[in-house]
Amino acid sequence: MNKSLLNSLRKGGFIFYTKHGEATVGSDLPYINFQDCLTQRNLSEMGRKQAIYYGEMLRYLQIPIEYPVSASPFCRAIETAQLAFGSGNVQVNPFWFEIYRLSDNLPIKDRQTTINNLTSVLEKIPEEGKNKVIIAHSFPEGVGLGQLSDMETVIIKPRGKGNGYEVVSQLSLADLSPLDT
C-alpha cells in the first residue's frame, strides 16, 4: 500500500468491502440455516489466521474503524469479522446475503434491485474520521465490485446519497503488509 493511500485512509471517510477469510472446501447446503453453521462452509484454519492478521494490520497501520463492522449472516463472515475486530464489534446485516445470492440464477429485476441497494449502501459516508468495514462475499464476474479472493478488500470512497461512489483501490491481504509502507 502506498503512503498516499495510507495517509488518506488514516483520515477516514472510506468503506472497506472485504471478502471473508478462506472457507473449507465444498459448498453450502441448499437450505442454509444461519443459526446452524453445519449447513454452511466455514472458515478454515488458514481463514481464521487471515482474519486475525487483517485486524492486526489495520490496527498496526492506525486505520480508524467505525464500529460496529457489518457482516453477512453466514458463519464464515461473522467469524472473520469477530476474529479481526472483536465479537462485541460486529453487527450482522442480512442484506449481505443478497450479494451471495447474485451468484444464483436470479431474475434480472431481482439482480438489479440488489445492485441498486448496494449502491445506496456504498454511497453512505462513514462517521467523521472513521472507515466503515463490511465483511461479506465476492460478486460474480462483471457484477457489483467483481470477483474477490479471500480477504481481498475493495477500498471505496462514498460520494454521498444519490451521488454514487468511487472504487479507489483493491488490496490483497499481503498488500496490507507493513513492509509496503
N, C-alpha and C. Protein backbone atom coordinates (compact mmCIF):
# COMPACT_ATOMS: atom_id res chain seq x y z
N MET A 1 0.86 -1.17 0.00
CA MET A 1 0.00 0.00 0.00
C MET A 1 0.91 1.23 0.00
N ASN A 2 0.59 2.20 -0.86
CA ASN A 2 1.45 3.37 -0.91
C ASN A 2 1.12 4.37 0.20
N LYS A 3 2.08 5.22 0.51
CA LYS A 3 1.96 6.19 1.61
C LYS A 3 0.77 7.12 1.42
N SER A 4 0.53 7.55 0.19
CA SER A 4 -0.56 8.49 -0.09
C SER A 4 -1.92 7.87 0.27
N LEU A 5 -2.13 6.62 -0.16
CA LEU A 5 -3.38 5.93 0.16
C LEU A 5 -3.49 5.72 1.67
N LEU A 6 -2.41 5.28 2.30
CA LEU A 6 -2.42 5.05 3.74
C LEU A 6 -2.78 6.33 4.49
N ASN A 7 -2.18 7.45 4.11
CA ASN A 7 -2.48 8.73 4.76
C ASN A 7 -3.95 9.10 4.60
N SER A 8 -4.51 8.85 3.41
CA SER A 8 -5.93 9.12 3.19
C SER A 8 -6.80 8.24 4.07
N LEU A 9 -6.46 6.94 4.15
CA LEU A 9 -7.25 6.01 4.95
C LEU A 9 -7.21 6.37 6.44
N ARG A 10 -6.09 6.91 6.89
CA ARG A 10 -5.97 7.31 8.29
C ARG A 10 -6.87 8.50 8.64
N LYS A 11 -7.30 9.24 7.62
CA LYS A 11 -8.21 10.38 7.84
C LYS A 11 -9.67 9.94 7.86
N GLY A 12 -9.93 8.71 7.40
CA GLY A 12 -11.30 8.19 7.40
C GLY A 12 -12.07 8.59 6.15
N GLY A 13 -13.35 8.19 6.12
CA GLY A 13 -14.22 8.55 5.01
C GLY A 13 -14.33 7.49 3.92
N PHE A 14 -13.78 6.30 4.17
CA PHE A 14 -13.80 5.23 3.17
C PHE A 14 -14.62 4.04 3.67
N ILE A 15 -14.97 3.18 2.73
CA ILE A 15 -15.61 1.91 3.04
C ILE A 15 -14.67 0.80 2.60
N PHE A 16 -14.43 -0.16 3.47
CA PHE A 16 -13.62 -1.33 3.15
C PHE A 16 -14.60 -2.48 2.95
N TYR A 17 -14.79 -2.90 1.70
CA TYR A 17 -15.63 -4.05 1.42
C TYR A 17 -14.69 -5.25 1.28
N THR A 18 -14.77 -6.19 2.22
CA THR A 18 -13.81 -7.28 2.29
C THR A 18 -14.51 -8.64 2.20
N LYS A 19 -13.96 -9.50 1.36
CA LYS A 19 -14.48 -10.88 1.31
C LYS A 19 -13.95 -11.62 2.53
N HIS A 20 -14.77 -12.46 3.12
CA HIS A 20 -14.40 -13.26 4.29
C HIS A 20 -13.13 -14.07 4.03
N GLY A 21 -12.56 -14.62 5.10
CA GLY A 21 -11.37 -15.45 5.01
C GLY A 21 -11.64 -16.77 4.30
N GLU A 22 -10.55 -17.49 4.03
CA GLU A 22 -10.65 -18.77 3.32
C GLU A 22 -11.63 -19.71 4.03
N ALA A 23 -12.52 -20.29 3.25
CA ALA A 23 -13.50 -21.24 3.80
C ALA A 23 -13.11 -22.66 3.43
N THR A 24 -13.72 -23.60 4.12
CA THR A 24 -13.46 -25.01 3.85
C THR A 24 -13.95 -25.36 2.44
N VAL A 25 -13.37 -26.40 1.88
CA VAL A 25 -13.76 -26.86 0.54
C VAL A 25 -15.16 -27.44 0.62
N GLY A 26 -15.90 -27.33 -0.46
CA GLY A 26 -17.25 -27.87 -0.51
C GLY A 26 -18.23 -26.78 -0.87
N SER A 27 -19.47 -26.99 -0.50
CA SER A 27 -20.48 -25.97 -0.79
C SER A 27 -21.49 -25.91 0.35
N ASP A 28 -22.19 -24.79 0.40
CA ASP A 28 -23.24 -24.62 1.40
C ASP A 28 -24.39 -25.56 1.05
N LEU A 29 -25.10 -26.03 2.06
CA LEU A 29 -26.28 -26.85 1.81
C LEU A 29 -27.34 -26.00 1.10
N PRO A 30 -28.20 -26.63 0.30
CA PRO A 30 -29.21 -25.85 -0.44
C PRO A 30 -30.12 -25.03 0.47
N TYR A 31 -30.40 -25.54 1.66
CA TYR A 31 -31.28 -24.80 2.57
C TYR A 31 -30.47 -24.39 3.78
N ILE A 32 -29.80 -23.25 3.64
CA ILE A 32 -28.92 -22.74 4.68
C ILE A 32 -29.74 -22.29 5.88
N ASN A 33 -29.25 -22.64 7.05
CA ASN A 33 -29.81 -22.15 8.30
C ASN A 33 -28.71 -21.30 8.94
N PHE A 34 -28.93 -20.00 9.03
CA PHE A 34 -27.88 -19.11 9.56
C PHE A 34 -27.59 -19.37 11.03
N GLN A 35 -28.50 -20.04 11.74
CA GLN A 35 -28.26 -20.38 13.14
C GLN A 35 -27.51 -21.71 13.29
N ASP A 36 -27.29 -22.40 12.17
CA ASP A 36 -26.61 -23.69 12.20
C ASP A 36 -25.43 -23.68 11.24
N CYS A 37 -24.24 -23.47 11.78
CA CYS A 37 -23.04 -23.37 10.96
C CYS A 37 -22.73 -24.67 10.22
N LEU A 38 -23.32 -25.79 10.65
CA LEU A 38 -23.08 -27.06 9.96
C LEU A 38 -23.74 -27.11 8.58
N THR A 39 -24.64 -26.16 8.29
CA THR A 39 -25.30 -26.12 6.98
C THR A 39 -24.52 -25.26 5.98
N GLN A 40 -23.36 -24.75 6.41
CA GLN A 40 -22.59 -23.81 5.59
C GLN A 40 -21.11 -24.18 5.56
N ARG A 41 -20.43 -23.64 4.55
CA ARG A 41 -18.96 -23.70 4.55
C ARG A 41 -18.50 -22.73 5.63
N ASN A 42 -17.48 -23.11 6.37
CA ASN A 42 -16.98 -22.27 7.45
C ASN A 42 -15.52 -21.92 7.22
N LEU A 43 -14.98 -21.05 8.05
CA LEU A 43 -13.58 -20.69 7.91
C LEU A 43 -12.69 -21.90 8.12
N SER A 44 -11.66 -21.98 7.31
CA SER A 44 -10.63 -22.99 7.51
C SER A 44 -9.66 -22.42 8.56
N GLU A 45 -8.69 -23.21 8.97
CA GLU A 45 -7.69 -22.70 9.92
C GLU A 45 -6.94 -21.53 9.29
N MET A 46 -6.63 -21.62 8.00
CA MET A 46 -5.98 -20.51 7.29
C MET A 46 -6.88 -19.28 7.29
N GLY A 47 -8.18 -19.47 7.08
CA GLY A 47 -9.12 -18.36 7.08
C GLY A 47 -9.15 -17.64 8.43
N ARG A 48 -9.04 -18.40 9.51
CA ARG A 48 -9.00 -17.79 10.85
C ARG A 48 -7.73 -16.96 11.02
N LYS A 49 -6.61 -17.50 10.56
CA LYS A 49 -5.34 -16.76 10.64
C LYS A 49 -5.40 -15.49 9.80
N GLN A 50 -6.01 -15.58 8.61
CA GLN A 50 -6.16 -14.41 7.75
C GLN A 50 -6.98 -13.32 8.44
N ALA A 51 -8.06 -13.71 9.08
CA ALA A 51 -8.94 -12.74 9.75
C ALA A 51 -8.21 -12.04 10.89
N ILE A 52 -7.49 -12.79 11.69
CA ILE A 52 -6.73 -12.20 12.80
C ILE A 52 -5.68 -11.24 12.26
N TYR A 53 -4.97 -11.65 11.23
CA TYR A 53 -3.92 -10.82 10.62
C TYR A 53 -4.52 -9.51 10.07
N TYR A 54 -5.68 -9.63 9.42
CA TYR A 54 -6.35 -8.45 8.84
C TYR A 54 -6.60 -7.40 9.92
N GLY A 55 -7.20 -7.82 11.02
CA GLY A 55 -7.47 -6.88 12.12
C GLY A 55 -6.19 -6.31 12.70
N GLU A 56 -5.18 -7.17 12.87
CA GLU A 56 -3.90 -6.70 13.41
C GLU A 56 -3.26 -5.66 12.50
N MET A 57 -3.32 -5.89 11.18
CA MET A 57 -2.69 -4.95 10.24
C MET A 57 -3.43 -3.61 10.23
N LEU A 58 -4.76 -3.62 10.27
CA LEU A 58 -5.48 -2.34 10.28
C LEU A 58 -5.15 -1.55 11.54
N ARG A 59 -5.01 -2.25 12.67
CA ARG A 59 -4.62 -1.57 13.91
C ARG A 59 -3.18 -1.06 13.82
N TYR A 60 -2.28 -1.91 13.33
CA TYR A 60 -0.87 -1.54 13.20
C TYR A 60 -0.71 -0.31 12.29
N LEU A 61 -1.48 -0.29 11.20
CA LEU A 61 -1.40 0.83 10.26
C LEU A 61 -2.16 2.07 10.75
N GLN A 62 -2.80 1.93 11.91
CA GLN A 62 -3.54 3.03 12.54
C GLN A 62 -4.66 3.57 11.63
N ILE A 63 -5.40 2.63 11.07
CA ILE A 63 -6.55 2.99 10.23
C ILE A 63 -7.78 2.96 11.13
N PRO A 64 -8.43 4.12 11.31
CA PRO A 64 -9.59 4.18 12.23
C PRO A 64 -10.83 3.49 11.64
N ILE A 65 -11.47 2.70 12.46
CA ILE A 65 -12.63 1.90 12.03
C ILE A 65 -13.89 2.36 12.78
N GLU A 66 -14.98 2.46 12.03
CA GLU A 66 -16.30 2.74 12.60
C GLU A 66 -16.89 1.42 13.10
N TYR A 67 -17.30 1.41 14.36
CA TYR A 67 -17.92 0.21 14.93
C TYR A 67 -19.41 0.43 15.12
N PRO A 68 -20.21 -0.62 14.99
CA PRO A 68 -19.80 -1.99 14.69
C PRO A 68 -19.48 -2.17 13.21
N VAL A 69 -18.65 -3.17 12.87
CA VAL A 69 -18.44 -3.52 11.47
C VAL A 69 -19.66 -4.34 11.04
N SER A 70 -19.91 -4.33 9.75
CA SER A 70 -21.08 -5.01 9.20
C SER A 70 -20.64 -6.36 8.63
N ALA A 71 -21.40 -7.42 8.92
CA ALA A 71 -21.06 -8.75 8.43
C ALA A 71 -22.27 -9.45 7.86
N SER A 72 -22.02 -10.27 6.86
CA SER A 72 -23.03 -11.15 6.29
C SER A 72 -23.48 -12.13 7.38
N PRO A 73 -24.70 -12.66 7.28
CA PRO A 73 -25.17 -13.62 8.29
C PRO A 73 -24.53 -15.01 8.21
N PHE A 74 -23.69 -15.25 7.21
CA PHE A 74 -23.00 -16.55 7.14
C PHE A 74 -21.98 -16.65 8.27
N CYS A 75 -21.85 -17.83 8.84
CA CYS A 75 -20.90 -18.05 9.95
C CYS A 75 -19.49 -17.64 9.56
N ARG A 76 -19.07 -17.92 8.31
CA ARG A 76 -17.70 -17.59 7.89
C ARG A 76 -17.44 -16.08 7.88
N ALA A 77 -18.45 -15.30 7.54
CA ALA A 77 -18.30 -13.84 7.54
C ALA A 77 -18.31 -13.29 8.96
N ILE A 78 -19.23 -13.80 9.78
CA ILE A 78 -19.31 -13.36 11.18
C ILE A 78 -18.01 -13.69 11.91
N GLU A 79 -17.51 -14.92 11.72
CA GLU A 79 -16.28 -15.31 12.40
C GLU A 79 -15.10 -14.48 11.92
N THR A 80 -15.03 -14.19 10.62
CA THR A 80 -13.96 -13.32 10.10
C THR A 80 -14.00 -11.97 10.81
N ALA A 81 -15.18 -11.37 10.87
CA ALA A 81 -15.34 -10.06 11.50
C ALA A 81 -15.00 -10.10 12.98
N GLN A 82 -15.45 -11.15 13.67
CA GLN A 82 -15.20 -11.25 15.11
C GLN A 82 -13.71 -11.46 15.40
N LEU A 83 -13.04 -12.28 14.62
CA LEU A 83 -11.61 -12.51 14.83
C LEU A 83 -10.80 -11.24 14.53
N ALA A 84 -11.23 -10.48 13.55
CA ALA A 84 -10.50 -9.26 13.16
C ALA A 84 -10.77 -8.10 14.11
N PHE A 85 -12.02 -7.97 14.58
CA PHE A 85 -12.41 -6.75 15.29
C PHE A 85 -12.98 -6.96 16.69
N GLY A 86 -13.15 -8.22 17.10
CA GLY A 86 -13.73 -8.50 18.42
C GLY A 86 -15.21 -8.79 18.31
N SER A 87 -15.68 -9.76 19.07
CA SER A 87 -17.07 -10.21 18.93
C SER A 87 -18.10 -9.15 19.29
N GLY A 88 -17.75 -8.21 20.16
CA GLY A 88 -18.70 -7.15 20.52
C GLY A 88 -18.77 -6.02 19.51
N ASN A 89 -17.95 -6.10 18.46
CA ASN A 89 -17.86 -5.00 17.48
C ASN A 89 -18.43 -5.37 16.12
N VAL A 90 -19.30 -6.38 16.08
CA VAL A 90 -19.82 -6.88 14.81
C VAL A 90 -21.35 -6.82 14.81
N GLN A 91 -21.89 -6.34 13.71
CA GLN A 91 -23.35 -6.32 13.54
C GLN A 91 -23.69 -7.09 12.26
N VAL A 92 -24.53 -8.10 12.40
CA VAL A 92 -24.93 -8.89 11.24
C VAL A 92 -25.98 -8.11 10.44
N ASN A 93 -25.77 -8.05 9.12
CA ASN A 93 -26.71 -7.37 8.24
C ASN A 93 -27.19 -8.37 7.18
N PRO A 94 -28.47 -8.76 7.24
CA PRO A 94 -29.00 -9.76 6.30
C PRO A 94 -28.87 -9.34 4.83
N PHE A 95 -28.71 -8.04 4.55
CA PHE A 95 -28.58 -7.59 3.17
C PHE A 95 -27.43 -8.29 2.45
N TRP A 96 -26.35 -8.59 3.17
CA TRP A 96 -25.17 -9.16 2.51
C TRP A 96 -25.45 -10.57 1.98
N PHE A 97 -26.50 -11.22 2.46
CA PHE A 97 -26.93 -12.49 1.86
C PHE A 97 -27.37 -12.27 0.42
N GLU A 98 -27.92 -11.10 0.15
CA GLU A 98 -28.36 -10.77 -1.22
C GLU A 98 -27.17 -10.74 -2.18
N ILE A 99 -26.01 -10.31 -1.70
CA ILE A 99 -24.80 -10.30 -2.53
C ILE A 99 -24.42 -11.75 -2.87
N TYR A 100 -24.47 -12.60 -1.87
CA TYR A 100 -24.20 -14.04 -2.08
C TYR A 100 -25.15 -14.60 -3.14
N ARG A 101 -26.41 -14.20 -3.07
CA ARG A 101 -27.43 -14.71 -4.00
C ARG A 101 -27.23 -14.24 -5.44
N LEU A 102 -26.43 -13.20 -5.65
CA LEU A 102 -26.18 -12.73 -7.02
C LEU A 102 -25.54 -13.83 -7.87
N SER A 103 -24.89 -14.78 -7.23
CA SER A 103 -24.28 -15.91 -7.97
C SER A 103 -25.33 -16.92 -8.43
N ASP A 104 -26.54 -16.83 -7.86
CA ASP A 104 -27.63 -17.71 -8.29
C ASP A 104 -28.19 -17.21 -9.60
N ASN A 105 -29.05 -18.00 -10.19
CA ASN A 105 -29.70 -17.60 -11.43
C ASN A 105 -30.94 -16.75 -11.09
N LEU A 106 -30.69 -15.50 -10.71
CA LEU A 106 -31.79 -14.60 -10.29
C LEU A 106 -32.44 -13.92 -11.48
N PRO A 107 -33.72 -13.60 -11.37
CA PRO A 107 -34.34 -12.77 -12.40
C PRO A 107 -33.61 -11.42 -12.48
N ILE A 108 -33.54 -10.87 -13.67
CA ILE A 108 -32.80 -9.61 -13.89
C ILE A 108 -33.30 -8.51 -12.94
N LYS A 109 -34.61 -8.45 -12.72
CA LYS A 109 -35.18 -7.41 -11.85
C LYS A 109 -34.63 -7.54 -10.42
N ASP A 110 -34.57 -8.78 -9.90
CA ASP A 110 -34.05 -9.00 -8.55
C ASP A 110 -32.56 -8.64 -8.46
N ARG A 111 -31.81 -9.03 -9.47
CA ARG A 111 -30.38 -8.72 -9.52
C ARG A 111 -30.18 -7.20 -9.50
N GLN A 112 -30.97 -6.50 -10.33
CA GLN A 112 -30.83 -5.03 -10.41
C GLN A 112 -31.23 -4.36 -9.09
N THR A 113 -32.26 -4.88 -8.43
CA THR A 113 -32.67 -4.34 -7.13
C THR A 113 -31.53 -4.46 -6.12
N THR A 114 -30.86 -5.62 -6.10
CA THR A 114 -29.73 -5.83 -5.18
C THR A 114 -28.60 -4.86 -5.50
N ILE A 115 -28.27 -4.70 -6.78
CA ILE A 115 -27.18 -3.78 -7.16
C ILE A 115 -27.55 -2.34 -6.80
N ASN A 116 -28.81 -1.95 -7.00
CA ASN A 116 -29.25 -0.59 -6.62
C ASN A 116 -29.14 -0.40 -5.11
N ASN A 117 -29.53 -1.42 -4.34
CA ASN A 117 -29.42 -1.33 -2.88
C ASN A 117 -27.96 -1.26 -2.45
N LEU A 118 -27.10 -2.02 -3.13
CA LEU A 118 -25.66 -1.98 -2.85
C LEU A 118 -25.13 -0.56 -3.07
N THR A 119 -25.52 0.05 -4.18
CA THR A 119 -25.08 1.41 -4.47
C THR A 119 -25.50 2.36 -3.35
N SER A 120 -26.73 2.22 -2.87
CA SER A 120 -27.20 3.08 -1.77
C SER A 120 -26.33 2.92 -0.53
N VAL A 121 -25.93 1.68 -0.22
CA VAL A 121 -25.09 1.42 0.95
C VAL A 121 -23.70 2.02 0.74
N LEU A 122 -23.15 1.86 -0.46
CA LEU A 122 -21.78 2.30 -0.72
C LEU A 122 -21.66 3.82 -0.95
N GLU A 123 -22.80 4.50 -1.09
CA GLU A 123 -22.80 5.96 -1.20
C GLU A 123 -22.75 6.64 0.17
N LYS A 124 -23.08 5.90 1.20
CA LYS A 124 -23.22 6.48 2.55
C LYS A 124 -21.85 6.74 3.17
N ILE A 125 -21.60 7.98 3.50
CA ILE A 125 -20.31 8.41 4.07
C ILE A 125 -20.22 7.96 5.53
N PRO A 126 -19.10 7.33 5.91
CA PRO A 126 -18.95 6.88 7.30
C PRO A 126 -18.86 8.04 8.28
N GLU A 127 -18.94 7.68 9.55
CA GLU A 127 -18.77 8.63 10.65
C GLU A 127 -17.46 9.41 10.45
N GLU A 128 -17.47 10.69 10.77
CA GLU A 128 -16.30 11.57 10.60
C GLU A 128 -15.04 10.94 11.19
N GLY A 129 -13.97 10.89 10.38
CA GLY A 129 -12.68 10.39 10.85
C GLY A 129 -12.59 8.88 10.96
N LYS A 130 -13.58 8.15 10.45
CA LYS A 130 -13.60 6.68 10.55
C LYS A 130 -13.81 6.06 9.17
N ASN A 131 -13.51 4.77 9.08
CA ASN A 131 -13.76 3.98 7.89
C ASN A 131 -14.72 2.85 8.24
N LYS A 132 -15.68 2.62 7.37
CA LYS A 132 -16.66 1.55 7.58
C LYS A 132 -16.10 0.26 6.99
N VAL A 133 -16.28 -0.85 7.71
CA VAL A 133 -15.84 -2.15 7.22
C VAL A 133 -17.06 -3.06 7.03
N ILE A 134 -17.08 -3.73 5.88
CA ILE A 134 -18.11 -4.71 5.55
C ILE A 134 -17.39 -6.02 5.26
N ILE A 135 -17.78 -7.09 5.95
CA ILE A 135 -17.22 -8.41 5.69
C ILE A 135 -18.34 -9.25 5.06
N ALA A 136 -18.17 -9.58 3.79
CA ALA A 136 -19.24 -10.30 3.10
C ALA A 136 -18.67 -11.25 2.05
N HIS A 137 -19.13 -11.15 0.82
CA HIS A 137 -18.86 -12.16 -0.20
C HIS A 137 -18.35 -11.54 -1.49
N SER A 138 -17.80 -12.39 -2.34
CA SER A 138 -17.40 -12.00 -3.68
C SER A 138 -18.65 -11.79 -4.53
N PHE A 139 -18.46 -11.20 -5.68
CA PHE A 139 -19.53 -10.99 -6.64
C PHE A 139 -19.25 -11.86 -7.87
N PRO A 140 -20.27 -12.14 -8.66
CA PRO A 140 -19.98 -12.80 -9.94
C PRO A 140 -19.13 -11.86 -10.81
N GLU A 141 -18.38 -12.42 -11.72
CA GLU A 141 -17.53 -11.61 -12.60
C GLU A 141 -18.38 -10.58 -13.33
N GLY A 142 -17.92 -9.33 -13.34
CA GLY A 142 -18.60 -8.26 -14.06
C GLY A 142 -19.82 -7.69 -13.35
N VAL A 143 -20.08 -8.12 -12.12
CA VAL A 143 -21.24 -7.64 -11.36
C VAL A 143 -20.76 -6.95 -10.08
N GLY A 144 -21.37 -5.85 -9.72
CA GLY A 144 -21.04 -5.16 -8.48
C GLY A 144 -19.58 -4.80 -8.40
N LEU A 145 -18.88 -5.28 -7.37
CA LEU A 145 -17.46 -4.99 -7.19
C LEU A 145 -16.57 -6.07 -7.80
N GLY A 146 -17.17 -7.04 -8.49
CA GLY A 146 -16.40 -8.07 -9.18
C GLY A 146 -15.97 -9.21 -8.27
N GLN A 147 -15.25 -10.14 -8.86
CA GLN A 147 -14.79 -11.31 -8.10
C GLN A 147 -13.66 -10.91 -7.16
N LEU A 148 -13.73 -11.42 -5.94
CA LEU A 148 -12.72 -11.12 -4.92
C LEU A 148 -12.14 -12.41 -4.38
N SER A 149 -10.85 -12.40 -4.10
CA SER A 149 -10.24 -13.56 -3.46
C SER A 149 -10.41 -13.43 -1.94
N ASP A 150 -10.05 -14.47 -1.21
CA ASP A 150 -10.21 -14.47 0.24
C ASP A 150 -9.52 -13.26 0.87
N MET A 151 -10.23 -12.53 1.70
CA MET A 151 -9.75 -11.37 2.44
C MET A 151 -9.33 -10.20 1.54
N GLU A 152 -9.68 -10.25 0.26
CA GLU A 152 -9.40 -9.11 -0.61
C GLU A 152 -10.35 -7.97 -0.25
N THR A 153 -9.82 -6.76 -0.26
CA THR A 153 -10.58 -5.59 0.16
C THR A 153 -10.68 -4.58 -0.98
N VAL A 154 -11.90 -4.13 -1.23
CA VAL A 154 -12.12 -3.03 -2.18
C VAL A 154 -12.28 -1.77 -1.34
N ILE A 155 -11.43 -0.78 -1.61
CA ILE A 155 -11.50 0.49 -0.89
C ILE A 155 -12.39 1.42 -1.72
N ILE A 156 -13.45 1.90 -1.07
CA ILE A 156 -14.47 2.70 -1.74
C ILE A 156 -14.55 4.08 -1.10
N LYS A 157 -14.64 5.11 -1.94
CA LYS A 157 -14.85 6.48 -1.46
C LYS A 157 -16.30 6.83 -1.78
N PRO A 158 -17.17 6.84 -0.75
CA PRO A 158 -18.57 7.20 -0.99
C PRO A 158 -18.69 8.69 -1.31
N ARG A 159 -19.59 9.04 -2.21
CA ARG A 159 -19.79 10.45 -2.59
C ARG A 159 -21.04 11.06 -1.97
N GLY A 160 -21.73 10.28 -1.13
CA GLY A 160 -22.96 10.79 -0.50
C GLY A 160 -24.19 10.29 -1.23
N LYS A 161 -25.30 10.31 -0.53
CA LYS A 161 -26.58 9.78 -1.03
C LYS A 161 -26.92 10.35 -2.41
N GLY A 162 -27.15 9.43 -3.34
CA GLY A 162 -27.54 9.81 -4.69
C GLY A 162 -26.38 10.22 -5.59
N ASN A 163 -25.16 10.22 -5.06
CA ASN A 163 -24.00 10.68 -5.84
C ASN A 163 -23.02 9.56 -6.20
N GLY A 164 -23.36 8.33 -5.87
CA GLY A 164 -22.51 7.21 -6.25
C GLY A 164 -21.29 7.06 -5.36
N TYR A 165 -20.35 6.31 -5.86
CA TYR A 165 -19.13 6.02 -5.11
C TYR A 165 -18.00 5.77 -6.11
N GLU A 166 -16.78 5.83 -5.61
CA GLU A 166 -15.61 5.58 -6.44
C GLU A 166 -14.81 4.43 -5.84
N VAL A 167 -14.41 3.48 -6.67
CA VAL A 167 -13.50 2.43 -6.22
C VAL A 167 -12.09 3.02 -6.31
N VAL A 168 -11.45 3.16 -5.14
CA VAL A 168 -10.15 3.81 -5.05
C VAL A 168 -9.01 2.82 -5.23
N SER A 169 -9.18 1.63 -4.66
CA SER A 169 -8.12 0.64 -4.71
C SER A 169 -8.69 -0.74 -4.40
N GLN A 170 -7.93 -1.75 -4.75
CA GLN A 170 -8.28 -3.12 -4.41
C GLN A 170 -7.01 -3.73 -3.82
N LEU A 171 -7.11 -4.22 -2.57
CA LEU A 171 -5.93 -4.69 -1.85
C LEU A 171 -6.08 -6.14 -1.43
N SER A 172 -5.04 -6.92 -1.67
CA SER A 172 -5.00 -8.28 -1.14
C SER A 172 -4.56 -8.18 0.31
N LEU A 173 -4.65 -9.27 1.03
CA LEU A 173 -4.19 -9.28 2.42
C LEU A 173 -2.70 -8.94 2.49
N ALA A 174 -1.92 -9.44 1.53
CA ALA A 174 -0.47 -9.16 1.50
C ALA A 174 -0.19 -7.67 1.28
N ASP A 175 -1.09 -6.97 0.56
CA ASP A 175 -0.90 -5.54 0.31
C ASP A 175 -0.96 -4.72 1.60
N LEU A 176 -1.55 -5.28 2.65
CA LEU A 176 -1.62 -4.56 3.94
C LEU A 176 -0.35 -4.71 4.76
N SER A 177 0.56 -5.51 4.26
CA SER A 177 1.81 -5.76 4.99
C SER A 177 2.55 -4.47 5.28
N PRO A 178 3.06 -4.32 6.50
CA PRO A 178 3.79 -3.10 6.85
C PRO A 178 5.07 -2.91 6.04
N LEU A 179 5.54 -3.95 5.35
CA LEU A 179 6.74 -3.82 4.53
C LEU A 179 6.53 -2.85 3.37
N ASP A 180 5.27 -2.67 2.96
CA ASP A 180 4.99 -1.79 1.83
C ASP A 180 4.83 -0.32 2.24
N THR A 181 4.84 -0.01 3.53
CA THR A 181 4.53 1.35 3.95
C THR A 181 5.75 2.18 4.24
